[in-house]
Amino acid sequence: MLPDEGMSLTRPADPQWRGPAGGFRRWERSAELGRGDEVWRWASREVLRWGIKTRSGFTVTPGDAVTAGDRPVITAHPFGFAVREPVEVVEVVQESDRVGFAYRTLPGHPVSGEEAFIVHRNGDAVILTVRSLTRASPRGGWRAAYPALLVAQRVARRRYFRALRVRAPR
């Protein structure tokens, strides 16, 4: 079961992600985006305005700044199709050395789970961390497509890291 409104399982404010996966596939990766204040400002701004999703090929409606409680619809565009992914932002972090957010899936999303995008500093290095909890949708036609959705998820994750690393100022 996903947490109640306002609670996050992926804990974007926490430097170390602990706690049980609760029947979800748990995934976390980090990569350096670059170094310095300019990269930090750019990456922080992008992640808090859905840039990690939109620069990865998704659309987000509305595409305003990320705000806890918002329920945007993310749309994936595989093979010319539009796949709507309703979500709810459950946590937003804005600290001097850590920014990010987590969203959970809502009914109608192809999978059940939560995803977090975090930009943080380690000295002069600017790091992107992506955390994810995923399991098959509890009902509907997407349940049978779950193995293919896991492949699509791996592709999307690679795009997340390229989205901010490739375009970050040097």
N, C-alpha and C. Protein backbone atom coordinates (compact mmCIF):
# COMPACT_ATOMS: atom_id res chain seq x y z
N MET A 1 0.84 -1.19 0.00
CA MET A 1 0.00 0.00 0.00
C MET A 1 0.88 1.24 0.00
N LEU A 2 0.49 2.24 -0.75
CA LEU A 2 1.22 3.49 -0.78
C LEU A 2 0.86 4.30 0.45
N PRO A 3 1.75 5.23 0.85
CA PRO A 3 1.48 6.03 2.04
C PRO A 3 0.32 6.97 1.83
N ASP A 4 -0.21 7.47 2.94
CA ASP A 4 -1.26 8.48 2.88
C ASP A 4 -0.68 9.76 2.31
N GLU A 5 -1.57 10.67 1.93
CA GLU A 5 -1.17 11.95 1.37
C GLU A 5 -0.15 12.64 2.27
N GLY A 6 0.90 13.18 1.66
CA GLY A 6 1.89 13.92 2.40
C GLY A 6 3.03 13.09 2.96
N MET A 7 2.97 11.77 2.82
CA MET A 7 4.04 10.91 3.32
C MET A 7 4.78 10.32 2.13
N SER A 8 6.09 10.23 2.27
CA SER A 8 6.90 9.70 1.17
C SER A 8 7.64 8.45 1.62
N LEU A 9 7.65 7.45 0.76
CA LEU A 9 8.43 6.24 1.00
C LEU A 9 9.86 6.38 0.49
N THR A 10 10.08 7.25 -0.49
CA THR A 10 11.41 7.41 -1.07
C THR A 10 12.25 8.46 -0.35
N ARG A 11 11.67 9.21 0.54
CA ARG A 11 12.36 10.09 1.49
C ARG A 11 13.42 11.01 0.86
N PRO A 12 13.02 11.93 -0.01
CA PRO A 12 14.01 12.77 -0.69
C PRO A 12 14.81 13.67 0.24
N ALA A 13 14.32 13.96 1.43
CA ALA A 13 15.07 14.81 2.37
C ALA A 13 16.19 14.05 3.05
N ASP A 14 16.14 12.72 3.04
CA ASP A 14 17.11 11.90 3.76
C ASP A 14 18.33 11.58 2.90
N PRO A 15 19.54 11.86 3.40
CA PRO A 15 20.75 11.51 2.64
C PRO A 15 20.88 10.00 2.44
N GLN A 16 20.49 9.22 3.42
CA GLN A 16 20.52 7.76 3.32
C GLN A 16 19.09 7.26 3.27
N TRP A 17 18.78 6.45 2.30
CA TRP A 17 17.42 5.92 2.14
C TRP A 17 17.33 4.60 2.87
N ARG A 18 16.56 4.58 3.92
CA ARG A 18 16.39 3.37 4.73
C ARG A 18 14.92 3.00 4.77
N GLY A 19 14.65 1.85 5.30
CA GLY A 19 13.27 1.41 5.44
C GLY A 19 12.94 0.30 4.48
N PRO A 20 11.91 -0.45 4.79
CA PRO A 20 11.55 -1.61 3.95
C PRO A 20 10.92 -1.17 2.63
N ALA A 21 11.04 -2.05 1.66
CA ALA A 21 10.46 -1.78 0.34
C ALA A 21 8.98 -2.12 0.30
N GLY A 22 8.49 -2.93 1.23
CA GLY A 22 7.06 -3.22 1.32
C GLY A 22 6.45 -3.82 0.07
N GLY A 23 7.13 -4.78 -0.56
CA GLY A 23 6.59 -5.43 -1.75
C GLY A 23 6.89 -4.71 -3.05
N PHE A 24 7.65 -3.64 -2.99
CA PHE A 24 8.03 -2.88 -4.19
C PHE A 24 9.43 -3.29 -4.64
N ARG A 25 9.71 -3.12 -5.93
CA ARG A 25 11.09 -3.19 -6.43
C ARG A 25 11.73 -1.87 -6.04
N ARG A 26 12.82 -1.95 -5.31
CA ARG A 26 13.50 -0.76 -4.81
C ARG A 26 14.72 -0.48 -5.68
N TRP A 27 14.92 0.79 -6.07
CA TRP A 27 16.02 1.15 -6.95
C TRP A 27 16.52 2.54 -6.56
N GLU A 28 17.84 2.71 -6.54
CA GLU A 28 18.44 4.01 -6.27
C GLU A 28 19.79 4.10 -6.98
N ARG A 29 20.03 5.24 -7.65
CA ARG A 29 21.30 5.49 -8.30
C ARG A 29 21.64 6.97 -8.17
N SER A 30 22.93 7.26 -8.16
CA SER A 30 23.41 8.64 -8.11
C SER A 30 24.49 8.82 -9.16
N ALA A 31 24.60 10.04 -9.67
CA ALA A 31 25.65 10.36 -10.63
C ALA A 31 25.98 11.84 -10.52
N GLU A 32 27.24 12.16 -10.72
CA GLU A 32 27.67 13.55 -10.69
C GLU A 32 27.22 14.25 -11.97
N LEU A 33 26.63 15.44 -11.80
CA LEU A 33 26.19 16.25 -12.94
C LEU A 33 27.26 17.23 -13.38
N GLY A 34 28.11 17.62 -12.46
CA GLY A 34 29.13 18.62 -12.72
C GLY A 34 29.59 19.21 -11.40
N ARG A 35 30.25 20.36 -11.49
CA ARG A 35 30.80 20.98 -10.28
C ARG A 35 30.54 22.48 -10.30
N GLY A 36 30.38 23.03 -9.11
CA GLY A 36 30.30 24.47 -8.96
C GLY A 36 28.90 25.02 -8.79
N ASP A 37 28.89 26.31 -8.42
CA ASP A 37 27.63 26.99 -8.11
C ASP A 37 26.71 27.12 -9.31
N GLU A 38 27.28 27.34 -10.49
CA GLU A 38 26.44 27.51 -11.68
C GLU A 38 25.69 26.21 -12.00
N VAL A 39 26.36 25.08 -11.93
CA VAL A 39 25.72 23.79 -12.16
C VAL A 39 24.67 23.54 -11.08
N TRP A 40 25.01 23.86 -9.82
CA TRP A 40 24.07 23.68 -8.71
C TRP A 40 22.78 24.47 -8.94
N ARG A 41 22.93 25.75 -9.27
CA ARG A 41 21.73 26.59 -9.47
C ARG A 41 20.89 26.07 -10.62
N TRP A 42 21.54 25.72 -11.73
CA TRP A 42 20.81 25.25 -12.90
C TRP A 42 20.08 23.94 -12.62
N ALA A 43 20.79 22.95 -12.07
CA ALA A 43 20.19 21.64 -11.81
C ALA A 43 19.09 21.73 -10.77
N SER A 44 19.28 22.54 -9.75
CA SER A 44 18.24 22.71 -8.71
C SER A 44 16.97 23.29 -9.31
N ARG A 45 17.15 24.30 -10.12
CA ARG A 45 15.99 24.95 -10.77
C ARG A 45 15.29 23.97 -11.70
N GLU A 46 16.05 23.24 -12.49
CA GLU A 46 15.45 22.29 -13.43
C GLU A 46 14.66 21.18 -12.73
N VAL A 47 15.23 20.61 -11.68
CA VAL A 47 14.53 19.50 -11.02
C VAL A 47 13.24 20.00 -10.36
N LEU A 48 13.22 21.21 -9.84
CA LEU A 48 12.03 21.73 -9.16
C LEU A 48 11.00 22.33 -10.12
N ARG A 49 11.28 22.28 -11.42
CA ARG A 49 10.32 22.74 -12.42
C ARG A 49 10.01 21.63 -13.42
N TRP A 50 10.16 20.37 -13.00
CA TRP A 50 9.86 19.19 -13.80
C TRP A 50 10.83 18.99 -14.95
N GLY A 51 11.94 19.73 -14.98
CA GLY A 51 12.88 19.61 -16.08
C GLY A 51 13.44 18.22 -16.26
N ILE A 52 13.61 17.48 -15.19
CA ILE A 52 14.15 16.13 -15.32
C ILE A 52 13.19 15.24 -16.11
N LYS A 53 11.90 15.49 -15.99
CA LYS A 53 10.92 14.72 -16.76
C LYS A 53 10.80 15.26 -18.18
N THR A 54 10.64 16.58 -18.33
CA THR A 54 10.41 17.13 -19.67
C THR A 54 11.65 16.99 -20.55
N ARG A 55 12.84 17.10 -19.99
CA ARG A 55 14.06 16.93 -20.77
C ARG A 55 14.32 15.45 -21.09
N SER A 56 13.51 14.57 -20.50
CA SER A 56 13.61 13.13 -20.76
C SER A 56 12.55 12.64 -21.74
N GLY A 57 11.78 13.58 -22.29
CA GLY A 57 10.80 13.21 -23.30
C GLY A 57 9.36 13.12 -22.83
N PHE A 58 9.10 13.43 -21.58
CA PHE A 58 7.74 13.43 -21.05
C PHE A 58 7.16 14.84 -21.15
N THR A 59 5.85 14.94 -21.08
CA THR A 59 5.22 16.23 -20.86
C THR A 59 4.57 16.18 -19.48
N VAL A 60 4.47 17.34 -18.86
CA VAL A 60 3.88 17.44 -17.53
C VAL A 60 2.85 18.55 -17.58
N THR A 61 1.60 18.23 -17.21
CA THR A 61 0.50 19.20 -17.27
C THR A 61 -0.19 19.26 -15.91
N PRO A 62 -0.24 20.42 -15.27
CA PRO A 62 0.50 21.63 -15.64
C PRO A 62 1.97 21.47 -15.30
N GLY A 63 2.80 22.25 -15.97
CA GLY A 63 4.25 22.15 -15.80
C GLY A 63 4.81 23.21 -14.89
N ASP A 64 4.03 23.64 -13.91
CA ASP A 64 4.46 24.67 -12.97
C ASP A 64 5.52 24.11 -12.03
N ALA A 65 6.00 24.96 -11.15
CA ALA A 65 6.96 24.52 -10.13
C ALA A 65 6.35 23.39 -9.31
N VAL A 66 7.19 22.45 -8.92
CA VAL A 66 6.75 21.30 -8.13
C VAL A 66 6.27 21.79 -6.76
N THR A 67 5.07 21.38 -6.37
CA THR A 67 4.49 21.77 -5.10
C THR A 67 3.81 20.56 -4.47
N ALA A 68 4.07 20.33 -3.19
CA ALA A 68 3.45 19.20 -2.48
C ALA A 68 1.93 19.30 -2.59
N GLY A 69 1.30 18.18 -2.88
CA GLY A 69 -0.15 18.11 -3.03
C GLY A 69 -0.63 18.27 -4.45
N ASP A 70 0.22 18.79 -5.33
CA ASP A 70 -0.18 18.94 -6.74
C ASP A 70 -0.41 17.56 -7.36
N ARG A 71 -1.31 17.52 -8.33
CA ARG A 71 -1.63 16.29 -9.04
C ARG A 71 -1.53 16.49 -10.55
N PRO A 72 -0.32 16.65 -11.04
CA PRO A 72 -0.17 16.81 -12.48
C PRO A 72 -0.35 15.47 -13.20
N VAL A 73 -0.50 15.55 -14.49
CA VAL A 73 -0.51 14.35 -15.32
C VAL A 73 0.77 14.37 -16.14
N ILE A 74 1.55 13.32 -15.99
CA ILE A 74 2.76 13.13 -16.78
C ILE A 74 2.35 12.29 -17.98
N THR A 75 2.82 12.65 -19.16
CA THR A 75 2.49 11.88 -20.35
C THR A 75 3.77 11.38 -20.99
N ALA A 76 3.83 10.07 -21.16
CA ALA A 76 4.94 9.44 -21.89
C ALA A 76 4.52 9.33 -23.34
N HIS A 77 5.49 9.29 -24.23
CA HIS A 77 5.19 9.27 -25.66
C HIS A 77 5.92 8.13 -26.38
N PRO A 78 5.68 6.88 -25.96
CA PRO A 78 6.38 5.76 -26.62
C PRO A 78 5.77 5.45 -27.99
N PHE A 79 6.62 5.32 -28.98
CA PHE A 79 6.20 4.88 -30.32
C PHE A 79 5.03 5.69 -30.88
N GLY A 80 4.98 6.98 -30.56
CA GLY A 80 3.94 7.84 -31.09
C GLY A 80 2.62 7.79 -30.33
N PHE A 81 2.54 6.99 -29.28
CA PHE A 81 1.34 6.92 -28.45
C PHE A 81 1.49 7.89 -27.28
N ALA A 82 0.37 8.26 -26.67
CA ALA A 82 0.39 9.08 -25.46
C ALA A 82 -0.13 8.23 -24.31
N VAL A 83 0.73 8.04 -23.30
CA VAL A 83 0.36 7.26 -22.12
C VAL A 83 0.30 8.21 -20.94
N ARG A 84 -0.91 8.39 -20.41
CA ARG A 84 -1.13 9.31 -19.28
C ARG A 84 -0.75 8.62 -17.97
N GLU A 85 -0.03 9.37 -17.14
CA GLU A 85 0.46 8.86 -15.87
C GLU A 85 0.06 9.83 -14.75
N PRO A 86 -1.11 9.66 -14.14
CA PRO A 86 -1.49 10.57 -13.05
C PRO A 86 -0.66 10.32 -11.80
N VAL A 87 -0.20 11.41 -11.18
CA VAL A 87 0.64 11.33 -9.99
C VAL A 87 0.24 12.40 -8.98
N GLU A 88 0.76 12.26 -7.77
CA GLU A 88 0.60 13.29 -6.74
C GLU A 88 1.96 13.55 -6.10
N VAL A 89 2.36 14.81 -6.03
CA VAL A 89 3.61 15.17 -5.37
C VAL A 89 3.39 15.03 -3.86
N VAL A 90 4.21 14.20 -3.23
CA VAL A 90 4.01 13.93 -1.80
C VAL A 90 5.06 14.59 -0.91
N GLU A 91 6.17 15.03 -1.48
CA GLU A 91 7.18 15.71 -0.66
C GLU A 91 8.06 16.57 -1.55
N VAL A 92 8.37 17.76 -1.07
CA VAL A 92 9.29 18.66 -1.76
C VAL A 92 10.35 19.09 -0.74
N VAL A 93 11.61 19.08 -1.17
CA VAL A 93 12.73 19.46 -0.32
C VAL A 93 13.43 20.66 -0.96
N GLN A 94 13.65 21.71 -0.18
CA GLN A 94 14.40 22.87 -0.66
C GLN A 94 15.30 23.33 0.47
N GLU A 95 16.52 22.82 0.47
CA GLU A 95 17.51 23.18 1.47
C GLU A 95 18.72 23.77 0.75
N SER A 96 19.65 24.31 1.51
CA SER A 96 20.81 24.99 0.89
C SER A 96 21.70 24.04 0.10
N ASP A 97 21.70 22.74 0.43
CA ASP A 97 22.55 21.79 -0.27
C ASP A 97 21.79 20.57 -0.79
N ARG A 98 20.45 20.65 -0.78
CA ARG A 98 19.63 19.51 -1.22
C ARG A 98 18.26 20.02 -1.66
N VAL A 99 17.89 19.68 -2.90
CA VAL A 99 16.56 20.01 -3.40
C VAL A 99 16.01 18.78 -4.12
N GLY A 100 14.71 18.69 -4.15
CA GLY A 100 14.11 17.57 -4.87
C GLY A 100 12.67 17.36 -4.48
N PHE A 101 12.12 16.26 -4.98
CA PHE A 101 10.73 15.96 -4.69
C PHE A 101 10.46 14.48 -4.93
N ALA A 102 9.33 14.04 -4.39
CA ALA A 102 8.85 12.68 -4.61
C ALA A 102 7.40 12.75 -5.05
N TYR A 103 7.04 11.86 -5.96
CA TYR A 103 5.63 11.73 -6.32
C TYR A 103 5.22 10.27 -6.26
N ARG A 104 3.95 10.06 -5.98
CA ARG A 104 3.39 8.71 -5.98
C ARG A 104 2.43 8.59 -7.14
N THR A 105 2.25 7.37 -7.60
CA THR A 105 1.33 7.13 -8.69
C THR A 105 -0.10 7.12 -8.16
N LEU A 106 -1.02 7.48 -9.03
CA LEU A 106 -2.45 7.47 -8.71
C LEU A 106 -3.15 6.44 -9.60
N PRO A 107 -4.38 6.07 -9.27
CA PRO A 107 -5.11 5.13 -10.13
C PRO A 107 -5.11 5.61 -11.59
N GLY A 108 -4.87 4.67 -12.49
CA GLY A 108 -4.76 4.98 -13.91
C GLY A 108 -3.32 5.01 -14.39
N HIS A 109 -2.37 5.09 -13.46
CA HIS A 109 -0.96 5.06 -13.82
C HIS A 109 -0.60 3.63 -14.22
N PRO A 110 0.30 3.43 -15.18
CA PRO A 110 0.65 2.07 -15.61
C PRO A 110 1.27 1.19 -14.52
N VAL A 111 1.93 1.79 -13.52
CA VAL A 111 2.49 1.02 -12.41
C VAL A 111 2.05 1.64 -11.10
N SER A 112 2.35 0.95 -10.02
CA SER A 112 2.07 1.47 -8.69
C SER A 112 3.41 1.74 -8.03
N GLY A 113 3.55 2.91 -7.39
CA GLY A 113 4.80 3.18 -6.72
C GLY A 113 5.07 4.63 -6.46
N GLU A 114 6.36 4.93 -6.33
CA GLU A 114 6.80 6.28 -6.01
C GLU A 114 8.17 6.50 -6.64
N GLU A 115 8.44 7.75 -6.97
CA GLU A 115 9.72 8.11 -7.57
C GLU A 115 10.18 9.43 -6.95
N ALA A 116 11.48 9.54 -6.71
CA ALA A 116 12.05 10.78 -6.15
C ALA A 116 13.24 11.21 -6.99
N PHE A 117 13.38 12.52 -7.16
CA PHE A 117 14.49 13.13 -7.88
C PHE A 117 15.14 14.13 -6.93
N ILE A 118 16.43 13.95 -6.66
CA ILE A 118 17.12 14.76 -5.66
C ILE A 118 18.43 15.28 -6.26
N VAL A 119 18.66 16.58 -6.14
CA VAL A 119 19.93 17.18 -6.50
C VAL A 119 20.56 17.62 -5.19
N HIS A 120 21.80 17.19 -4.96
CA HIS A 120 22.47 17.53 -3.71
C HIS A 120 23.95 17.76 -3.97
N ARG A 121 24.60 18.32 -2.97
CA ARG A 121 26.02 18.64 -3.09
C ARG A 121 26.87 17.73 -2.23
N ASN A 122 28.04 17.43 -2.76
CA ASN A 122 29.08 16.74 -2.01
C ASN A 122 30.35 17.54 -2.26
N GLY A 123 30.61 18.49 -1.37
CA GLY A 123 31.68 19.46 -1.63
C GLY A 123 31.29 20.33 -2.81
N ASP A 124 32.13 20.39 -3.83
CA ASP A 124 31.85 21.18 -5.02
C ASP A 124 31.04 20.39 -6.07
N ALA A 125 30.95 19.07 -5.87
CA ALA A 125 30.24 18.21 -6.83
C ALA A 125 28.73 18.34 -6.66
N VAL A 126 28.04 18.37 -7.79
CA VAL A 126 26.58 18.40 -7.82
C VAL A 126 26.12 17.01 -8.26
N ILE A 127 25.32 16.37 -7.43
CA ILE A 127 24.93 14.97 -7.62
C ILE A 127 23.43 14.88 -7.85
N LEU A 128 23.03 14.04 -8.80
CA LEU A 128 21.63 13.70 -8.99
C LEU A 128 21.41 12.29 -8.44
N THR A 129 20.40 12.13 -7.59
CA THR A 129 20.00 10.83 -7.09
C THR A 129 18.55 10.60 -7.49
N VAL A 130 18.30 9.41 -8.04
CA VAL A 130 16.94 9.01 -8.38
C VAL A 130 16.62 7.78 -7.53
N ARG A 131 15.46 7.81 -6.88
CA ARG A 131 14.97 6.69 -6.07
C ARG A 131 13.62 6.26 -6.61
N SER A 132 13.38 4.95 -6.58
CA SER A 132 12.13 4.45 -7.13
C SER A 132 11.67 3.20 -6.39
N LEU A 133 10.37 3.14 -6.17
CA LEU A 133 9.69 1.95 -5.68
C LEU A 133 8.61 1.61 -6.71
N THR A 134 8.62 0.39 -7.22
CA THR A 134 7.70 0.02 -8.29
C THR A 134 7.13 -1.37 -8.06
N ARG A 135 5.85 -1.51 -8.40
CA ARG A 135 5.23 -2.83 -8.50
C ARG A 135 4.11 -2.72 -9.53
N ALA A 136 3.58 -3.87 -9.91
CA ALA A 136 2.51 -3.89 -10.92
C ALA A 136 1.31 -3.10 -10.42
N SER A 137 0.62 -2.49 -11.35
CA SER A 137 -0.62 -1.81 -11.02
C SER A 137 -1.59 -2.82 -10.41
N PRO A 138 -2.34 -2.43 -9.39
CA PRO A 138 -3.20 -3.40 -8.72
C PRO A 138 -4.35 -3.94 -9.59
N ARG A 139 -4.71 -3.20 -10.63
CA ARG A 139 -5.80 -3.67 -11.50
C ARG A 139 -5.70 -2.98 -12.86
N GLY A 140 -6.50 -3.41 -13.77
CA GLY A 140 -6.53 -2.77 -15.09
C GLY A 140 -5.63 -3.47 -16.09
N GLY A 141 -5.68 -2.98 -17.31
CA GLY A 141 -4.95 -3.58 -18.42
C GLY A 141 -3.44 -3.47 -18.31
N TRP A 142 -2.95 -2.50 -17.54
CA TRP A 142 -1.51 -2.32 -17.41
C TRP A 142 -0.84 -3.46 -16.65
N ARG A 143 -1.59 -4.16 -15.82
CA ARG A 143 -1.01 -5.23 -15.00
C ARG A 143 -0.31 -6.29 -15.87
N ALA A 144 -0.93 -6.66 -16.97
CA ALA A 144 -0.35 -7.68 -17.85
C ALA A 144 0.91 -7.17 -18.56
N ALA A 145 1.02 -5.87 -18.72
CA ALA A 145 2.16 -5.28 -19.42
C ALA A 145 3.33 -4.97 -18.48
N TYR A 146 3.24 -5.35 -17.23
CA TYR A 146 4.26 -4.98 -16.24
C TYR A 146 5.69 -5.33 -16.66
N PRO A 147 5.97 -6.52 -17.19
CA PRO A 147 7.36 -6.79 -17.60
C PRO A 147 7.88 -5.80 -18.65
N ALA A 148 7.05 -5.44 -19.61
CA ALA A 148 7.47 -4.46 -20.62
C ALA A 148 7.63 -3.07 -20.00
N LEU A 149 6.80 -2.75 -19.00
CA LEU A 149 6.90 -1.46 -18.34
C LEU A 149 8.21 -1.33 -17.56
N LEU A 150 8.72 -2.44 -17.03
CA LEU A 150 10.01 -2.41 -16.34
C LEU A 150 11.14 -2.07 -17.30
N VAL A 151 11.05 -2.56 -18.53
CA VAL A 151 12.04 -2.22 -19.56
C VAL A 151 11.94 -0.72 -19.87
N ALA A 152 10.73 -0.22 -20.06
CA ALA A 152 10.52 1.20 -20.34
C ALA A 152 11.04 2.06 -19.19
N GLN A 153 10.89 1.57 -17.98
CA GLN A 153 11.36 2.31 -16.81
C GLN A 153 12.89 2.42 -16.83
N ARG A 154 13.58 1.37 -17.22
CA ARG A 154 15.04 1.42 -17.31
C ARG A 154 15.49 2.45 -18.35
N VAL A 155 14.79 2.51 -19.46
CA VAL A 155 15.10 3.50 -20.50
C VAL A 155 14.90 4.91 -19.95
N ALA A 156 13.79 5.12 -19.28
CA ALA A 156 13.49 6.45 -18.71
C ALA A 156 14.55 6.85 -17.70
N ARG A 157 15.00 5.93 -16.88
CA ARG A 157 16.02 6.25 -15.87
C ARG A 157 17.32 6.71 -16.53
N ARG A 158 17.74 6.05 -17.59
CA ARG A 158 18.94 6.50 -18.29
C ARG A 158 18.74 7.92 -18.83
N ARG A 159 17.56 8.19 -19.32
CA ARG A 159 17.27 9.53 -19.84
C ARG A 159 17.30 10.58 -18.74
N TYR A 160 16.85 10.24 -17.53
CA TYR A 160 16.87 11.20 -16.42
C TYR A 160 18.28 11.71 -16.18
N PHE A 161 19.23 10.78 -16.14
CA PHE A 161 20.61 11.19 -15.86
C PHE A 161 21.21 11.97 -17.02
N ARG A 162 20.90 11.59 -18.24
CA ARG A 162 21.39 12.34 -19.40
C ARG A 162 20.74 13.73 -19.47
N ALA A 163 19.48 13.83 -19.06
CA ALA A 163 18.73 15.08 -19.19
C ALA A 163 19.42 16.24 -18.47
N LEU A 164 19.93 15.99 -17.29
CA LEU A 164 20.57 17.06 -16.55
C LEU A 164 22.08 17.11 -16.77
N ARG A 165 22.69 16.00 -17.03
CA ARG A 165 24.15 15.99 -17.22
C ARG A 165 24.51 16.63 -18.56
N VAL A 166 23.83 16.29 -19.62
CA VAL A 166 24.17 16.77 -20.96
C VAL A 166 23.97 18.27 -21.09
N ARG A 167 22.93 18.79 -20.49
CA ARG A 167 22.58 20.19 -20.69
C ARG A 167 23.07 21.12 -19.60
N ALA A 168 23.67 20.56 -18.57
CA ALA A 168 24.17 21.40 -17.47
C ALA A 168 25.26 22.32 -18.00
N PRO A 169 25.28 23.57 -17.54
CA PRO A 169 26.34 24.49 -17.98
C PRO A 169 27.71 23.99 -17.55
N ARG A 170 28.71 24.27 -18.33
CA ARG A 170 30.08 23.82 -18.02
C ARG A 170 30.94 25.00 -17.66
